[in-house]
PDB file of N, CA and C in Angstrom:
ATOM      1  N   MET A   1       7.427   7.578   6.328  1.00  0.00           N
ATOM      2  CA  MET A   1       6.059   7.578   5.875  1.00  0.00           C
ATOM      3  C   MET A   1       5.439   8.920   6.227  1.00  0.00           C
ATOM      4  N   HIS A   2       4.754   9.499   5.254  1.00  0.00           N
ATOM      5  CA  HIS A   2       4.061  10.769   5.451  1.00  0.00           C
ATOM      6  C   HIS A   2       2.560  10.526   5.319  1.00  0.00           C
ATOM      7  N   ILE A   3       1.817  10.966   6.316  1.00  0.00           N
ATOM      8  CA  ILE A   3       0.366  10.794   6.315  1.00  0.00           C
ATOM      9  C   ILE A   3      -0.287  12.173   6.291  1.00  0.00           C
ATOM     10  N   ASN A   4      -1.146  12.379   5.305  1.00  0.00           N
ATOM     11  CA  ASN A   4      -1.901  13.621   5.225  1.00  0.00           C
ATOM     12  C   ASN A   4      -3.383  13.265   5.298  1.00  0.00           C
ATOM     13  N   LEU A   5      -3.973  13.422   6.481  1.00  0.00           N
ATOM     14  CA  LEU A   5      -5.379  13.070   6.661  1.00  0.00           C
ATOM     15  C   LEU A   5      -6.316  14.018   5.933  1.00  0.00           C
ATOM     16  N   ASP A   6      -5.848  15.221   5.624  1.00  0.00           N
ATOM     17  CA  ASP A   6      -6.687  16.159   4.877  1.00  0.00           C
ATOM     18  C   ASP A   6      -6.919  15.685   3.441  1.00  0.00           C
ATOM     19  N   THR A   7      -5.876  15.143   2.827  1.00  0.00           N
ATOM     20  CA  THR A   7      -5.992  14.674   1.440  1.00  0.00           C
ATOM     21  C   THR A   7      -6.231  13.171   1.355  1.00  0.00           C
ATOM     22  N   GLY A   8      -5.963  12.449   2.440  1.00  0.00           N
ATOM     23  CA  GLY A   8      -6.109  10.999   2.426  1.00  0.00           C
ATOM     24  C   GLY A   8      -4.967  10.290   1.724  1.00  0.00           C
ATOM     25  N   ILE A   9      -3.827  10.979   1.620  1.00  0.00           N
ATOM     26  CA  ILE A   9      -2.671  10.395   0.934  1.00  0.00           C
ATOM     27  C   ILE A   9      -1.619   9.973   1.956  1.00  0.00           C
ATOM     28  N   ILE A  10      -1.177   8.745   1.821  1.00  0.00           N
ATOM     29  CA  ILE A  10      -0.070   8.233   2.629  1.00  0.00           C
ATOM     30  C   ILE A  10       1.060   7.900   1.676  1.00  0.00           C
ATOM     31  N   LYS A  11       2.198   8.511   1.896  1.00  0.00           N
ATOM     32  CA  LYS A  11       3.363   8.263   1.049  1.00  0.00           C
ATOM     33  C   LYS A  11       4.341   7.396   1.837  1.00  0.00           C
ATOM     34  N   ILE A  12       4.593   6.215   1.322  1.00  0.00           N
ATOM     35  CA  ILE A  12       5.523   5.293   1.960  1.00  0.00           C
ATOM     36  C   ILE A  12       6.850   5.396   1.231  1.00  0.00           C
ATOM     37  N   GLU A  13       7.904   5.650   1.992  1.00  0.00           N
ATOM     38  CA  GLU A  13       9.227   5.879   1.391  1.00  0.00           C
ATOM     39  C   GLU A  13      10.252   4.918   1.971  1.00  0.00           C
ATOM     40  N   GLY A  14      11.335   4.753   1.231  1.00  0.00           N
ATOM     41  CA  GLY A  14      12.467   3.985   1.735  1.00  0.00           C
ATOM     42  C   GLY A  14      12.244   2.494   1.647  1.00  0.00           C
ATOM     43  N   ILE A  15      12.322   1.829   2.791  1.00  0.00           N
ATOM     44  CA  ILE A  15      12.267   0.370   2.846  1.00  0.00           C
ATOM     45  C   ILE A  15      11.023  -0.065   3.600  1.00  0.00           C
ATOM     46  N   LEU A  16      10.296  -1.000   3.025  1.00  0.00           N
ATOM     47  CA  LEU A  16       9.148  -1.605   3.688  1.00  0.00           C
ATOM     48  C   LEU A  16       9.427  -3.097   3.772  1.00  0.00           C
ATOM     49  N   ASN A  17       9.792  -3.520   4.964  1.00  0.00           N
ATOM     50  CA  ASN A  17      10.125  -4.938   5.145  1.00  0.00           C
ATOM     51  C   ASN A  17       9.679  -5.410   6.525  1.00  0.00           C
ATOM     52  N   CYS A  18      10.117  -6.592   6.916  1.00  0.00           N
ATOM     53  CA  CYS A  18       9.647  -7.181   8.171  1.00  0.00           C
ATOM     54  C   CYS A  18      10.025  -6.359   9.405  1.00  0.00           C
ATOM     55  N   SER A  19      11.012  -5.483   9.302  1.00  0.00           N
ATOM     56  CA  SER A  19      11.417  -4.701  10.474  1.00  0.00           C
ATOM     57  C   SER A  19      10.483  -3.529  10.753  1.00  0.00           C
ATOM     58  N   ASN A  20       9.716  -3.085   9.752  1.00  0.00           N
ATOM     59  CA  ASN A  20       8.825  -1.945   9.982  1.00  0.00           C
ATOM     60  C   ASN A  20       7.396  -2.182   9.504  1.00  0.00           C
ATOM     61  N   VAL A  21       7.078  -3.399   9.119  1.00  0.00           N
ATOM     62  CA  VAL A  21       5.752  -3.674   8.571  1.00  0.00           C
ATOM     63  C   VAL A  21       4.653  -3.509   9.614  1.00  0.00           C
ATOM     64  N   THR A  22       4.880  -3.910  10.842  1.00  0.00           N
ATOM     65  CA  THR A  22       3.845  -3.819  11.871  1.00  0.00           C
ATOM     66  C   THR A  22       3.478  -2.371  12.152  1.00  0.00           C
ATOM     67  N   GLU A  23       4.477  -1.521  12.307  1.00  0.00           N
ATOM     68  CA  GLU A  23       4.234  -0.098  12.555  1.00  0.00           C
ATOM     69  C   GLU A  23       3.531   0.552  11.371  1.00  0.00           C
ATOM     70  N   THR A  24       3.983   0.231  10.170  1.00  0.00           N
ATOM     71  CA  THR A  24       3.389   0.798   8.960  1.00  0.00           C
ATOM     72  C   THR A  24       1.930   0.379   8.829  1.00  0.00           C
ATOM     73  N   GLN A  25       1.674  -0.903   9.020  1.00  0.00           N
ATOM     74  CA  GLN A  25       0.309  -1.412   8.917  1.00  0.00           C
ATOM     75  C   GLN A  25      -0.590  -0.755   9.968  1.00  0.00           C
ATOM     76  N   PHE A  26      -0.106  -0.603  11.186  1.00  0.00           N
ATOM     77  CA  PHE A  26      -0.876   0.027  12.256  1.00  0.00           C
ATOM     78  C   PHE A  26      -1.262   1.459  11.890  1.00  0.00           C
ATOM     79  N   LYS A  27      -0.307   2.220  11.374  1.00  0.00           N
ATOM     80  CA  LYS A  27      -0.578   3.613  11.007  1.00  0.00           C
ATOM     81  C   LYS A  27      -1.603   3.713   9.885  1.00  0.00           C
ATOM     82  N   ILE A  28      -1.509   2.821   8.917  1.00  0.00           N
ATOM     83  CA  ILE A  28      -2.461   2.833   7.808  1.00  0.00           C
ATOM     84  C   ILE A  28      -3.850   2.454   8.303  1.00  0.00           C
ATOM     85  N   GLU A  29      -3.924   1.437   9.166  1.00  0.00           N
ATOM     86  CA  GLU A  29      -5.224   1.033   9.710  1.00  0.00           C
ATOM     87  C   GLU A  29      -5.839   2.147  10.559  1.00  0.00           C
ATOM     88  N   CYS A  30      -5.026   2.878  11.308  1.00  0.00           N
ATOM     89  CA  CYS A  30      -5.533   4.014  12.086  1.00  0.00           C
ATOM     90  C   CYS A  30      -6.087   5.098  11.162  1.00  0.00           C
ATOM     91  N   ALA A  31      -5.393   5.359  10.066  1.00  0.00           N
ATOM     92  CA  ALA A  31      -5.876   6.351   9.109  1.00  0.00           C
ATOM     93  C   ALA A  31      -7.216   5.903   8.517  1.00  0.00           C
ATOM     94  N   LEU A  32      -7.370   4.608   8.287  1.00  0.00           N
ATOM     95  CA  LEU A  32      -8.633   4.086   7.747  1.00  0.00           C
ATOM     96  C   LEU A  32      -9.780   4.237   8.739  1.00  0.00           C
ATOM     97  N   ASP A  33      -9.469   4.308  10.022  1.00  0.00           N
ATOM     98  CA  ASP A  33     -10.517   4.537  11.012  1.00  0.00           C
ATOM     99  C   ASP A  33     -11.154   5.913  10.832  1.00  0.00           C
ATOM    100  N   PHE A  34     -10.381   6.868  10.314  1.00  0.00           N
ATOM    101  CA  PHE A  34     -10.861   8.240  10.151  1.00  0.00           C
ATOM    102  C   PHE A  34     -11.364   8.545   8.743  1.00  0.00           C
ATOM    103  N   LEU A  35     -10.887   7.801   7.764  1.00  0.00           N
ATOM    104  CA  LEU A  35     -11.193   8.103   6.365  1.00  0.00           C
ATOM    105  C   LEU A  35     -11.843   6.910   5.682  1.00  0.00           C
ATOM    106  N   ASN A  36     -12.676   7.183   4.699  1.00  0.00           N
ATOM    107  CA  ASN A  36     -13.292   6.115   3.913  1.00  0.00           C
ATOM    108  C   ASN A  36     -12.481   5.753   2.682  1.00  0.00           C
ATOM    109  N   ARG A  37     -11.556   6.642   2.344  1.00  0.00           N
ATOM    110  CA  ARG A  37     -10.759   6.438   1.126  1.00  0.00           C
ATOM    111  C   ARG A  37      -9.334   6.898   1.385  1.00  0.00           C
ATOM    112  N   LEU A  38      -8.391   6.013   1.112  1.00  0.00           N
ATOM    113  CA  LEU A  38      -6.971   6.323   1.275  1.00  0.00           C
ATOM    114  C   LEU A  38      -6.243   6.074  -0.033  1.00  0.00           C
ATOM    115  N   THR A  39      -5.244   6.887  -0.287  1.00  0.00           N
ATOM    116  CA  THR A  39      -4.351   6.655  -1.414  1.00  0.00           C
ATOM    117  C   THR A  39      -2.975   6.335  -0.850  1.00  0.00           C
ATOM    118  N   LEU A  40      -2.454   5.163  -1.199  1.00  0.00           N
ATOM    119  CA  LEU A  40      -1.101   4.785  -0.801  1.00  0.00           C
ATOM    120  C   LEU A  40      -0.172   5.056  -1.970  1.00  0.00           C
ATOM    121  N   ASN A  41       0.729   5.995  -1.791  1.00  0.00           N
ATOM    122  CA  ASN A  41       1.707   6.324  -2.826  1.00  0.00           C
ATOM    123  C   ASN A  41       2.976   5.530  -2.540  1.00  0.00           C
ATOM    124  N   LEU A  42       3.310   4.623  -3.438  1.00  0.00           N
ATOM    125  CA  LEU A  42       4.453   3.723  -3.266  1.00  0.00           C
ATOM    126  C   LEU A  42       5.639   4.105  -4.145  1.00  0.00           C
ATOM    127  N   SER A  43       5.575   5.253  -4.784  1.00  0.00           N
ATOM    128  CA  SER A  43       6.574   5.615  -5.796  1.00  0.00           C
ATOM    129  C   SER A  43       7.990   5.762  -5.244  1.00  0.00           C
ATOM    130  N   ASP A  44       8.141   6.073  -3.965  1.00  0.00           N
ATOM    131  CA  ASP A  44       9.480   6.293  -3.409  1.00  0.00           C
ATOM    132  C   ASP A  44      10.008   5.122  -2.587  1.00  0.00           C
ATOM    133  N   LEU A  45       9.399   3.957  -2.752  1.00  0.00           N
ATOM    134  CA  LEU A  45       9.938   2.778  -2.064  1.00  0.00           C
ATOM    135  C   LEU A  45      11.226   2.329  -2.742  1.00  0.00           C
ATOM    136  N   GLU A  46      12.227   2.068  -1.938  1.00  0.00           N
ATOM    137  CA  GLU A  46      13.513   1.605  -2.447  1.00  0.00           C
ATOM    138  C   GLU A  46      13.645   0.089  -2.317  1.00  0.00           C
ATOM    139  N   GLU A  47      12.892  -0.474  -1.389  1.00  0.00           N
ATOM    140  CA  GLU A  47      12.932  -1.923  -1.156  1.00  0.00           C
ATOM    141  C   GLU A  47      11.601  -2.326  -0.548  1.00  0.00           C
ATOM    142  N   MET A  48      11.107  -3.485  -0.980  1.00  0.00           N
ATOM    143  CA  MET A  48       9.833  -3.964  -0.452  1.00  0.00           C
ATOM    144  C   MET A  48       9.816  -5.476  -0.493  1.00  0.00           C
ATOM    145  N   ASP A  49       9.567  -6.096   0.656  1.00  0.00           N
ATOM    146  CA  ASP A  49       9.450  -7.548   0.668  1.00  0.00           C
ATOM    147  C   ASP A  49       8.219  -8.013   1.441  1.00  0.00           C
ATOM    148  N   VAL A  50       7.261  -7.103   1.605  1.00  0.00           N
ATOM    149  CA  VAL A  50       6.046  -7.442   2.353  1.00  0.00           C
ATOM    150  C   VAL A  50       4.793  -6.983   1.596  1.00  0.00           C
ATOM    151  N   SER A  51       4.732  -7.291   0.318  1.00  0.00           N
ATOM    152  CA  SER A  51       3.596  -6.853  -0.491  1.00  0.00           C
ATOM    153  C   SER A  51       2.290  -7.448   0.016  1.00  0.00           C
ATOM    154  N   PHE A  52       2.365  -8.586   0.690  1.00  0.00           N
ATOM    155  CA  PHE A  52       1.151  -9.218   1.196  1.00  0.00           C
ATOM    156  C   PHE A  52       0.454  -8.335   2.226  1.00  0.00           C
ATOM    157  N   MET A  53       1.219  -7.524   2.963  1.00  0.00           N
ATOM    158  CA  MET A  53       0.636  -6.613   3.936  1.00  0.00           C
ATOM    159  C   MET A  53      -0.303  -5.630   3.243  1.00  0.00           C
ATOM    160  N   ILE A  54       0.069  -5.132   2.090  1.00  0.00           N
ATOM    161  CA  ILE A  54      -0.776  -4.187   1.361  1.00  0.00           C
ATOM    162  C   ILE A  54      -2.043  -4.888   0.881  1.00  0.00           C
ATOM    163  N   TYR A  55      -1.894  -6.118   0.422  1.00  0.00           N
ATOM    164  CA  TYR A  55      -3.069  -6.901   0.027  1.00  0.00           C
ATOM    165  C   TYR A  55      -4.029  -7.068   1.204  1.00  0.00           C
ATOM    166  N   LEU A  56      -3.515  -7.425   2.369  1.00  0.00           N
ATOM    167  CA  LEU A  56      -4.366  -7.601   3.550  1.00  0.00           C
ATOM    168  C   LEU A  56      -5.062  -6.303   3.939  1.00  0.00           C
ATOM    169  N   LEU A  57      -4.337  -5.187   3.862  1.00  0.00           N
ATOM    170  CA  LEU A  57      -4.951  -3.897   4.166  1.00  0.00           C
ATOM    171  C   LEU A  57      -6.094  -3.591   3.208  1.00  0.00           C
ATOM    172  N   MET A  58      -5.895  -3.895   1.951  1.00  0.00           N
ATOM    173  CA  MET A  58      -6.934  -3.635   0.955  1.00  0.00           C
ATOM    174  C   MET A  58      -8.162  -4.515   1.212  1.00  0.00           C
ATOM    175  N   GLU A  59      -7.942  -5.759   1.607  1.00  0.00           N
ATOM    176  CA  GLU A  59      -9.061  -6.650   1.922  1.00  0.00           C
ATOM    177  C   GLU A  59      -9.803  -6.173   3.169  1.00  0.00           C
ATOM    178  N   ARG A  60      -9.079  -5.736   4.183  1.00  0.00           N
ATOM    179  CA  ARG A  60      -9.723  -5.209   5.394  1.00  0.00           C
ATOM    180  C   ARG A  60     -10.525  -3.951   5.082  1.00  0.00           C
ATOM    181  N   ALA A  61      -9.989  -3.123   4.227  1.00  0.00           N
ATOM    182  CA  ALA A  61     -10.703  -1.906   3.833  1.00  0.00           C
ATOM    183  C   ALA A  61     -12.026  -2.278   3.159  1.00  0.00           C
ATOM    184  N   LYS A  62     -12.000  -3.269   2.281  1.00  0.00           N
ATOM    185  CA  LYS A  62     -13.230  -3.704   1.607  1.00  0.00           C
ATOM    186  C   LYS A  62     -14.265  -4.180   2.622  1.00  0.00           C
ATOM    187  N   GLU A  63     -13.813  -4.932   3.623  1.00  0.00           N
ATOM    188  CA  GLU A  63     -14.724  -5.435   4.654  1.00  0.00           C
ATOM    189  C   GLU A  63     -15.406  -4.294   5.405  1.00  0.00           C
ATOM    190  N   LYS A  64     -14.736  -3.163   5.501  1.00  0.00           N
ATOM    191  CA  LYS A  64     -15.269  -1.999   6.214  1.00  0.00           C
ATOM    192  C   LYS A  64     -15.916  -0.997   5.258  1.00  0.00           C
ATOM    193  N   ASN A  65     -16.120  -1.416   4.006  1.00  0.00           N
ATOM    194  CA  ASN A  65     -16.679  -0.550   2.962  1.00  0.00           C
ATOM    195  C   ASN A  65     -15.836   0.709   2.758  1.00  0.00           C
ATOM    196  N   LYS A  66     -14.534   0.522   2.784  1.00  0.00           N
ATOM    197  CA  LYS A  66     -13.598   1.618   2.553  1.00  0.00           C
ATOM    198  C   LYS A  66     -12.728   1.264   1.354  1.00  0.00           C
ATOM    199  N   ILE A  67     -11.996   2.246   0.860  1.00  0.00           N
ATOM    200  CA  ILE A  67     -11.223   2.056  -0.368  1.00  0.00           C
ATOM    201  C   ILE A  67      -9.770   2.443  -0.137  1.00  0.00           C
ATOM    202  N   ILE A  68      -8.871   1.609  -0.649  1.00  0.00           N
ATOM    203  CA  ILE A  68      -7.452   1.956  -0.711  1.00  0.00           C
ATOM    204  C   ILE A  68      -7.049   1.943  -2.178  1.00  0.00           C
ATOM    205  N   ILE A  69      -6.487   3.056  -2.611  1.00  0.00           N
ATOM    206  CA  ILE A  69      -6.014   3.187  -3.986  1.00  0.00           C
ATOM    207  C   ILE A  69      -4.491   3.188  -3.963  1.00  0.00           C
ATOM    208  N   LEU A  70      -3.890   2.398  -4.827  1.00  0.00           N
ATOM    209  CA  LEU A  70      -2.434   2.349  -4.931  1.00  0.00           C
ATOM    210  C   LEU A  70      -1.966   3.265  -6.055  1.00  0.00           C
ATOM    211  N   THR A  71      -0.988   4.108  -5.757  1.00  0.00           N
ATOM    212  CA  THR A  71      -0.353   4.918  -6.792  1.00  0.00           C
ATOM    213  C   THR A  71       1.158   4.722  -6.695  1.00  0.00           C
ATOM    214  N   GLY A  72       1.849   5.127  -7.734  1.00  0.00           N
ATOM    215  CA  GLY A  72       3.301   4.996  -7.753  1.00  0.00           C
ATOM    216  C   GLY A  72       3.758   3.579  -8.020  1.00  0.00           C
ATOM    217  N   CYS A  73       2.879   2.763  -8.552  1.00  0.00           N
ATOM    218  CA  CYS A  73       3.200   1.349  -8.778  1.00  0.00           C
ATOM    219  C   CYS A  73       4.046   1.115 -10.016  1.00  0.00           C
ATOM    220  N   GLU A  74       4.369   2.189 -10.744  1.00  0.00           N
ATOM    221  CA  GLU A  74       5.231   2.056 -11.911  1.00  0.00           C
ATOM    222  C   GLU A  74       6.649   1.698 -11.495  1.00  0.00           C
ATOM    223  N   ASN A  75       6.950   1.921 -10.236  1.00  0.00           N
ATOM    224  CA  ASN A  75       8.239   1.590  -9.652  1.00  0.00           C
ATOM    225  C   ASN A  75       8.510   0.091  -9.860  1.00  0.00           C
ATOM    226  N   ASP A  76       9.644  -0.270 -10.468  1.00  0.00           N
ATOM    227  CA  ASP A  76       9.978  -1.670 -10.738  1.00  0.00           C
ATOM    228  C   ASP A  76      10.003  -2.513  -9.471  1.00  0.00           C
ATOM    229  N   ILE A  77      10.411  -1.927  -8.374  1.00  0.00           N
ATOM    230  CA  ILE A  77      10.478  -2.658  -7.104  1.00  0.00           C
ATOM    231  C   ILE A  77       9.080  -3.125  -6.705  1.00  0.00           C
ATOM    232  N   ILE A  78       8.095  -2.278  -6.914  1.00  0.00           N
ATOM    233  CA  ILE A  78       6.711  -2.616  -6.571  1.00  0.00           C
ATOM    234  C   ILE A  78       6.215  -3.743  -7.461  1.00  0.00           C
ATOM    235  N   SER A  79       6.390  -3.593  -8.752  1.00  0.00           N
ATOM    236  CA  SER A  79       5.934  -4.615  -9.692  1.00  0.00           C
ATOM    237  C   SER A  79       6.550  -5.971  -9.384  1.00  0.00           C
ATOM    238  N   LYS A  80       7.841  -5.995  -9.144  1.00  0.00           N
ATOM    239  CA  LYS A  80       8.520  -7.260  -8.858  1.00  0.00           C
ATOM    240  C   LYS A  80       8.027  -7.880  -7.558  1.00  0.00           C
ATOM    241  N   ALA A  81       7.854  -7.065  -6.525  1.00  0.00           N
ATOM    242  CA  ALA A  81       7.395  -7.584  -5.233  1.00  0.00           C
ATOM    243  C   ALA A  81       6.001  -8.194  -5.352  1.00  0.00           C
ATOM    244  N   PHE A  82       5.097  -7.502  -6.049  1.00  0.00           N
ATOM    245  CA  PHE A  82       3.745  -8.018  -6.201  1.00  0.00           C
ATOM    246  C   PHE A  82       3.722  -9.252  -7.099  1.00  0.00           C
ATOM    247  N   ASN A  83       4.524  -9.257  -8.151  1.00  0.00           N
ATOM    248  CA  ASN A  83       4.589 -10.431  -9.030  1.00  0.00           C
ATOM    249  C   ASN A  83       5.126 -11.647  -8.290  1.00  0.00           C
ATOM    250  N   LEU A  84       6.187 -11.478  -7.519  1.00  0.00           N
ATOM    251  CA  LEU A  84       6.774 -12.600  -6.774  1.00  0.00           C
ATOM    252  C   LEU A  84       5.802 -13.171  -5.749  1.00  0.00           C
ATOM    253  N   ALA A  85       4.967 -12.316  -5.183  1.00  0.00           N
ATOM    254  CA  ALA A  85       3.994 -12.760  -4.181  1.00  0.00           C
ATOM    255  C   ALA A  85       2.701 -13.272  -4.813  1.00  0.00           C
ATOM    256  N   GLY A  86       2.611 -13.226  -6.149  1.00  0.00           N
ATOM    257  CA  GLY A  86       1.400 -13.661  -6.829  1.00  0.00           C
ATOM    258  C   GLY A  86       0.243 -12.693  -6.637  1.00  0.00           C
ATOM    259  N   LEU A  87       0.557 -11.424  -6.443  1.00  0.00           N
ATOM    260  CA  LEU A  87      -0.467 -10.418  -6.159  1.00  0.00           C
ATOM    261  C   LEU A  87      -0.577  -9.349  -7.234  1.00  0.00           C
ATOM    262  N   LYS A  88      -0.097  -9.631  -8.429  1.00  0.00           N
ATOM    263  CA  LYS A  88      -0.125  -8.592  -9.459  1.00  0.00           C
ATOM    264  C   LYS A  88      -1.547  -8.164  -9.803  1.00  0.00           C
ATOM    265  N   HIS A  89      -2.529  -8.988  -9.456  1.00  0.00           N
ATOM    266  CA  HIS A  89      -3.927  -8.647  -9.752  1.00  0.00           C
ATOM    267  C   HIS A  89      -4.435  -7.455  -8.937  1.00  0.00           C
ATOM    268  N   ILE A  90      -3.746  -7.055  -7.867  1.00  0.00           N
ATOM    269  CA  ILE A  90      -4.210  -5.890  -7.113  1.00  0.00           C
ATOM    270  C   ILE A  90      -3.574  -4.590  -7.591  1.00  0.00           C
ATOM    271  N   LEU A  91      -2.632  -4.701  -8.513  1.00  0.00           N
ATOM    272  CA  LEU A  91      -2.032  -3.489  -9.095  1.00  0.00           C
ATOM    273  C   LEU A  91      -3.037  -2.852 -10.048  1.00  0.00           C
ATOM    274  N   PRO A  92      -2.884  -1.553 -10.302  1.00  0.00           N
ATOM    275  CA  PRO A  92      -3.754  -0.927 -11.315  1.00  0.00           C
ATOM    276  C   PRO A  92      -3.689  -1.732 -12.610  1.00  0.00           C
ATOM    277  N   PRO A  93      -4.807  -1.865 -13.319  1.00  0.00           N
ATOM    278  CA  PRO A  93      -4.881  -2.748 -14.490  1.00  0.00           C
ATOM    279  C   PRO A  93      -3.781  -2.560 -15.523  1.00  0.00           C
ATOM    280  N   TYR A  94      -3.359  -1.327 -15.752  1.00  0.00           N
ATOM    281  CA  TYR A  94      -2.337  -1.098 -16.776  1.00  0.00           C
ATOM    282  C   TYR A  94      -0.970  -1.610 -16.368  1.00  0.00           C
ATOM    283  N   LEU A  95      -0.794  -1.985 -15.103  1.00  0.00           N
ATOM    284  CA  LEU A  95       0.499  -2.510 -14.644  1.00  0.00           C
ATOM    285  C   LEU A  95       0.477  -4.008 -14.403  1.00  0.00           C
ATOM    286  N   ALA A  96      -0.668  -4.600 -14.354  1.00  0.00           N
ATOM    287  CA  ALA A  96      -0.790  -6.017 -14.002  1.00  0.00           C
ATOM    288  C   ALA A  96      -0.629  -6.904 -15.235  1.00  0.00           C
ATOM    289  N   VAL A  97       0.527  -6.794 -15.870  1.00  0.00           N
ATOM    290  CA  VAL A  97       0.798  -7.626 -17.048  1.00  0.00           C
ATOM    291  C   VAL A  97       1.839  -8.670 -16.750  1.00  0.00           C
TER     292      VAL A  97
END
């Protein structure tokens, strides 16, 4: 995971699953403490089975009047993970089909 606080972009790469979800979520929440707007780039994820974590982060951001934007969701792995979890409604509108 690469975090750039200057641009507000967090790029998540490789595998996002139960073995690293806690650390990933913690780092994203810490970044939200400093920024009002974050962009999560998911384009380089190779495996994902914890899409609900991203949903929870987005809900927490809303509670704090902050914004999380998802990019890189064209990745089939992302679409499938969100669809299986019943969370396709949080994907950008052009992907939530």
